[in-house]
C-alpha atoms as a PDB file:
ATOM      1  CA  UNK A   1      12.255   6.181 -15.955  1.00  0.00           C
ATOM      2  CA  UNK A   2      12.098   4.430 -18.877  1.00  0.00           C
ATOM      3  CA  UNK A   3      14.706   6.155 -20.598  1.00  0.00           C
ATOM      4  CA  UNK A   4      17.102   5.029 -17.605  1.00  0.00           C
ATOM      5  CA  UNK A   5      15.716   1.457 -17.382  1.00  0.00           C
ATOM      6  CA  UNK A   6      17.452  -1.455 -19.028  1.00  0.00           C
ATOM      7  CA  UNK A   7      14.284  -2.608 -21.194  1.00  0.00           C
ATOM      8  CA  UNK A   8      11.386  -0.229 -21.670  1.00  0.00           C
ATOM      9  CA  UNK A   9       8.845  -2.853 -20.250  1.00  0.00           C
ATOM     10  CA  UNK A  10       8.585  -5.220 -17.563  1.00  0.00           C
ATOM     11  CA  UNK A  11       9.498  -2.706 -14.984  1.00  0.00           C
ATOM     12  CA  UNK A  12       8.599  -1.806 -11.611  1.00  0.00           C
ATOM     13  CA  UNK A  13       8.900   1.611  -9.949  1.00  0.00           C
ATOM     14  CA  UNK A  14       7.372   3.097  -6.631  1.00  0.00           C
ATOM     15  CA  UNK A  15       6.879   7.019  -6.200  1.00  0.00           C
ATOM     16  CA  UNK A  16       7.074   7.748  -2.533  1.00  0.00           C
ATOM     17  CA  UNK A  17       4.956  10.867  -2.402  1.00  0.00           C
ATOM     18  CA  UNK A  18       3.766  13.335  -0.190  1.00  0.00           C
ATOM     19  CA  UNK A  19       0.239  13.790   1.067  1.00  0.00           C
ATOM     20  CA  UNK A  20       0.090  16.523  -1.389  1.00  0.00           C
ATOM     21  CA  UNK A  21       1.107  14.413  -4.514  1.00  0.00           C
ATOM     22  CA  UNK A  22      -1.144  11.625  -3.431  1.00  0.00           C
ATOM     23  CA  UNK A  23      -4.014  13.765  -3.420  1.00  0.00           C
ATOM     24  CA  UNK A  24      -3.138  15.156  -7.390  1.00  0.00           C
ATOM     25  CA  UNK A  25      -2.413  11.217  -7.886  1.00  0.00           C
ATOM     26  CA  UNK A  26      -5.774  10.414  -6.881  1.00  0.00           C
ATOM     27  CA  UNK A  27      -7.789  13.294  -8.656  1.00  0.00           C
ATOM     28  CA  UNK A  28      -5.963  12.109 -12.253  1.00  0.00           C
ATOM     29  CA  UNK A  29      -6.259   8.193 -11.754  1.00  0.00           C
ATOM     30  CA  UNK A  30      -9.827   8.630 -11.297  1.00  0.00           C
ATOM     31  CA  UNK A  31     -10.430  11.086 -14.040  1.00  0.00           C
ATOM     32  CA  UNK A  32      -8.302   8.580 -15.818  1.00  0.00           C
ATOM     33  CA  UNK A  33     -11.200   6.156 -15.607  1.00  0.00           C
ATOM     34  CA  UNK A  34     -14.018   8.237 -16.152  1.00  0.00           C
ATOM     35  CA  UNK A  35     -13.213   9.110 -18.787  1.00  0.00           C
ATOM     36  CA  UNK A  36     -12.392   6.213 -20.730  1.00  0.00           C
ATOM     37  CA  UNK A  37     -15.923   5.485 -19.559  1.00  0.00           C
ATOM     38  CA  UNK A  38     -15.169   1.456 -17.605  1.00  0.00           C
ATOM     39  CA  UNK A  39     -17.778   0.333 -15.853  1.00  0.00           C
ATOM     40  CA  UNK A  40     -15.684  -0.690 -12.615  1.00  0.00           C
ATOM     41  CA  UNK A  41     -16.516  -0.292  -9.088  1.00  0.00           C
ATOM     42  CA  UNK A  42     -14.421   1.904  -9.063  1.00  0.00           C
ATOM     43  CA  UNK A  43     -17.109   4.530  -9.412  1.00  0.00           C
ATOM     44  CA  UNK A  44     -19.656   2.688  -6.744  1.00  0.00           C
ATOM     45  CA  UNK A  45     -20.702  -0.414  -5.092  1.00  0.00           C
ATOM     46  CA  UNK A  46     -23.308  -1.516  -2.965  1.00  0.00           C
ATOM     47  CA  UNK A  47     -21.855  -2.610   0.901  1.00  0.00           C
ATOM     48  CA  UNK A  48     -22.745  -5.372   2.567  1.00  0.00           C
ATOM     49  CA  UNK A  49     -25.911  -2.744   4.895  1.00  0.00           C
ATOM     50  CA  UNK A  50     -27.150  -2.007   0.963  1.00  0.00           C
ATOM     51  CA  UNK A  51     -25.587   1.615   1.395  1.00  0.00           C
ATOM     52  CA  UNK A  52     -23.906   2.919  -1.684  1.00  0.00           C
ATOM     53  CA  UNK A  53     -20.110   3.460  -0.988  1.00  0.00           C
ATOM     54  CA  UNK A  54     -19.012   5.748  -3.797  1.00  0.00           C
ATOM     55  CA  UNK A  55     -15.463   6.482  -4.854  1.00  0.00           C
ATOM     56  CA  UNK A  56     -12.083   4.695  -4.867  1.00  0.00           C
ATOM     57  CA  UNK A  57      -8.518   5.089  -3.519  1.00  0.00           C
ATOM     58  CA  UNK A  58      -5.364   3.785  -6.112  1.00  0.00           C
ATOM     59  CA  UNK A  59      -2.227   2.863  -5.337  1.00  0.00           C
ATOM     60  CA  UNK A  60      -1.121   1.270  -8.701  1.00  0.00           C
ATOM     61  CA  UNK A  61      -1.003   1.695 -12.374  1.00  0.00           C
ATOM     62  CA  UNK A  62      -0.062  -0.322 -15.173  1.00  0.00           C
ATOM     63  CA  UNK A  63       1.195   1.441 -18.246  1.00  0.00           C
ATOM     64  CA  UNK A  64       2.633   0.377 -21.025  1.00  0.00           C
ATOM     65  CA  UNK A  65       3.804  -2.896 -19.807  1.00  0.00           C
ATOM     66  CA  UNK A  66       5.346  -1.377 -16.350  1.00  0.00           C
ATOM     67  CA  UNK A  67       3.905  -1.478 -13.182  1.00  0.00           C
ATOM     68  CA  UNK A  68       4.220   1.767 -11.122  1.00  0.00           C
ATOM     69  CA  UNK A  69       3.134   1.654  -7.510  1.00  0.00           C
ATOM     70  CA  UNK A  70       2.161   4.905  -5.087  1.00  0.00           C
ATOM     71  CA  UNK A  71       3.123   5.309  -1.893  1.00  0.00           C
ATOM     72  CA  UNK A  72       2.169   7.964   0.350  1.00  0.00           C
ATOM     73  CA  UNK A  73       4.753   9.019   2.970  1.00  0.00           C
ATOM     74  CA  UNK A  74       3.910  11.685   5.549  1.00  0.00           C
ATOM     75  CA  UNK A  75       7.459  11.796   6.891  1.00  0.00           C
ATOM     76  CA  UNK A  76       7.766  13.739   2.812  1.00  0.00           C
ATOM     77  CA  UNK A  77       4.379  16.071   4.362  1.00  0.00           C
ATOM     78  CA  UNK A  78       6.428  17.248   7.333  1.00  0.00           C
ATOM     79  CA  UNK A  79       9.789  17.565   5.516  1.00  0.00           C
ATOM     80  CA  UNK A  80       9.377  19.345   2.416  1.00  0.00           C
ATOM     81  CA  UNK A  81       5.780  20.696   3.215  1.00  0.00           C
ATOM     82  CA  UNK A  82       1.996  20.078   2.130  1.00  0.00           C
ATOM     83  CA  UNK A  83       1.946  23.272  -0.753  1.00  0.00           C
ATOM     84  CA  UNK A  84       3.765  21.281  -3.289  1.00  0.00           C
ATOM     85  CA  UNK A  85       3.898  17.616  -4.523  1.00  0.00           C
ATOM     86  CA  UNK A  86       7.125  16.815  -4.047  1.00  0.00           C
ATOM     87  CA  UNK A  87       7.990  12.863  -4.034  1.00  0.00           C
ATOM     88  CA  UNK A  88      11.021  10.367  -4.714  1.00  0.00           C
ATOM     89  CA  UNK A  89      11.280   7.746  -7.818  1.00  0.00           C
ATOM     90  CA  UNK A  90      12.491   4.054  -7.956  1.00  0.00           C
ATOM     91  CA  UNK A  91      12.975   1.494 -10.031  1.00  0.00           C
ATOM     92  CA  UNK A  92      11.993  -1.563  -7.975  1.00  0.00           C
ATOM     93  CA  UNK A  93      13.185  -3.859 -11.254  1.00  0.00           C
ATOM     94  CA  UNK A  94      16.031  -5.901 -10.168  1.00  0.00           C
ATOM     95  CA  UNK A  95      19.088  -6.430 -12.632  1.00  0.00           C
ATOM     96  CA  UNK A  96      18.516  -9.189 -15.177  1.00  0.00           C
ATOM     97  CA  UNK A  97      21.723 -10.920 -16.066  1.00  0.00           C
ATOM     98  CA  UNK A  98      22.534 -10.802 -11.900  1.00  0.00           C
ATOM     99  CA  UNK A  99      19.374 -10.673 -10.300  1.00  0.00           C
ATOM    100  CA  UNK A 100      20.366  -8.463  -7.887  1.00  0.00           C
ATOM    101  CA  UNK A 101      17.544  -6.414  -6.534  1.00  0.00           C
ATOM    102  CA  UNK A 102      17.718  -2.810  -6.711  1.00  0.00           C
ATOM    103  CA  UNK A 103      17.641  -1.988  -3.106  1.00  0.00           C
ATOM    104  CA  UNK A 104      18.757  -4.438  -0.502  1.00  0.00           C
ATOM    105  CA  UNK A 105      19.021  -4.134   3.603  1.00  0.00           C
ATOM    106  CA  UNK A 106      22.312  -4.683   5.284  1.00  0.00           C
ATOM    107  CA  UNK A 107      22.867  -5.549   8.560  1.00  0.00           C
ATOM    108  CA  UNK A 108      26.160  -5.978  11.223  1.00  0.00           C
ATOM    109  CA  UNK A 109      26.911  -9.375  11.770  1.00  0.00           C
ATOM    110  CA  UNK A 110      24.365 -11.139  14.251  1.00  0.00           C
ATOM    111  CA  UNK A 111      23.128  -8.168  14.805  1.00  0.00           C
ATOM    112  CA  UNK A 112      19.716  -8.318  12.643  1.00  0.00           C
ATOM    113  CA  UNK A 113      17.480  -9.101  15.589  1.00  0.00           C
ATOM    114  CA  UNK A 114      19.164  -8.174  19.137  1.00  0.00           C
ATOM    115  CA  UNK A 115      16.563  -9.109  22.698  1.00  0.00           C
ATOM    116  CA  UNK A 116      17.400  -7.812  25.831  1.00  0.00           C
ATOM    117  CA  UNK A 117      15.687  -8.718  28.739  1.00  0.00           C
ATOM    118  CA  UNK A 118      15.319  -6.165  31.483  1.00  0.00           C
ATOM    119  CA  UNK A 119      13.869  -7.558  34.986  1.00  0.00           C
ATOM    120  CA  UNK A 120      12.020  -5.873  37.653  1.00  0.00           C
ATOM    121  CA  UNK A 121      10.955  -6.999  41.466  1.00  0.00           C
ATOM    122  CA  UNK A 122       9.997 -10.696  41.608  1.00  0.00           C
ATOM    123  CA  UNK A 123      12.816 -11.383  37.598  1.00  0.00           C
ATOM    124  CA  UNK A 124      10.981 -12.566  34.556  1.00  0.00           C
ATOM    125  CA  UNK A 125       8.137 -14.491  35.541  1.00  0.00           C
ATOM    126  CA  UNK A 126       7.676 -11.996  38.393  1.00  0.00           C
ATOM    127  CA  UNK A 127       8.001 -14.243  40.910  1.00  0.00           C
ATOM    128  CA  UNK A 128      11.662 -15.179  41.157  1.00  0.00           C
ATOM    129  CA  UNK A 129      14.117 -13.856  43.997  1.00  0.00           C
ATOM    130  CA  UNK A 130      17.594 -12.749  42.862  1.00  0.00           C
ATOM    131  CA  UNK A 131      19.232  -9.681  40.683  1.00  0.00           C
ATOM    132  CA  UNK A 132      16.832  -7.137  39.639  1.00  0.00           C
ATOM    133  CA  UNK A 133      17.496  -3.662  37.023  1.00  0.00           C
ATOM    134  CA  UNK A 134      15.073  -2.026  38.585  1.00  0.00           C
ATOM    135  CA  UNK A 135      12.370  -1.562  41.801  1.00  0.00           C
ATOM    136  CA  UNK A 136       9.526  -1.584  39.695  1.00  0.00           C
ATOM    137  CA  UNK A 137       7.338  -4.425  40.250  1.00  0.00           C
ATOM    138  CA  UNK A 138       7.608  -5.469  36.637  1.00  0.00           C
ATOM    139  CA  UNK A 139      10.274  -6.299  34.029  1.00  0.00           C
ATOM    140  CA  UNK A 140      10.712  -5.445  29.953  1.00  0.00           C
ATOM    141  CA  UNK A 141      11.578  -7.535  26.909  1.00  0.00           C
ATOM    142  CA  UNK A 142      13.342  -5.163  24.348  1.00  0.00           C
ATOM    143  CA  UNK A 143      14.211  -6.307  20.886  1.00  0.00           C
ATOM    144  CA  UNK A 144      15.976  -3.988  18.028  1.00  0.00           C
ATOM    145  CA  UNK A 145      18.307  -4.467  15.150  1.00  0.00           C
ATOM    146  CA  UNK A 146      20.694  -2.759  13.070  1.00  0.00           C
ATOM    147  CA  UNK A 147      20.123  -1.662   9.221  1.00  0.00           C
ATOM    148  CA  UNK A 148      21.128   0.482   6.468  1.00  0.00           C
ATOM    149  CA  UNK A 149      20.062   0.303   2.400  1.00  0.00           C
ATOM    150  CA  UNK A 150      21.693   0.379  -0.701  1.00  0.00           C
ATOM    151  CA  UNK A 151      20.764   1.590  -3.578  1.00  0.00           C
ATOM    152  CA  UNK A 152      22.672  -0.310  -6.121  1.00  0.00           C
ATOM    153  CA  UNK A 153      21.738   1.498  -9.390  1.00  0.00           C
ATOM    154  CA  UNK A 154      20.887   5.150  -7.831  1.00  0.00           C
ATOM    155  CA  UNK A 155      21.077   6.663 -11.056  1.00  0.00           C
ATOM    156  CA  UNK A 156      18.029   5.278 -12.240  1.00  0.00           C
ATOM    157  CA  UNK A 157      16.140   6.741  -9.494  1.00  0.00           C
ATOM    158  CA  UNK A 158      14.769  10.493  -9.188  1.00  0.00           C
ATOM    159  CA  UNK A 159      13.726  12.590  -7.037  1.00  0.00           C
ATOM    160  CA  UNK A 160       9.856  14.988  -7.937  1.00  0.00           C
ATOM    161  CA  UNK A 161       8.550  18.292  -7.184  1.00  0.00           C
ATOM    162  CA  UNK A 162       6.115  20.830  -8.134  1.00  0.00           C
ATOM    163  CA  UNK A 163       7.226  23.965  -9.285  1.00  0.00           C
END
């Protein structure tokens, strides 16, 4: 990823990974902390009820001036299976000259948040007379919106999979 980045430091990478790779990340980062014999609460801590809690969940890592975040997504597990690790790595660092974000969300004009009302018997308050949309004595409020994303520099990303 650093070879594709504008700068060797100051980057933010995110790995969106399946459950198998999430488990591997937990093992690797736990072993790393154990290897360097850090004296932190990653190994154990005493809870309020005087029980000892052991272990930790690792979701980020800082290495060589870059910040790396790991996010497990069950969609990847369902789509690509859980027998082997699979993930996508994106560079979330904004463009240094223009300030353009790496990923941006777009919507149709006025389509970002649409609210609709579906009145039943009794109207929206439950005590009104008038036109209804259903014979049910209850109303429904529906919120929705349209959105899409753009990855401005997709070449600064890659797919990671276990062979």
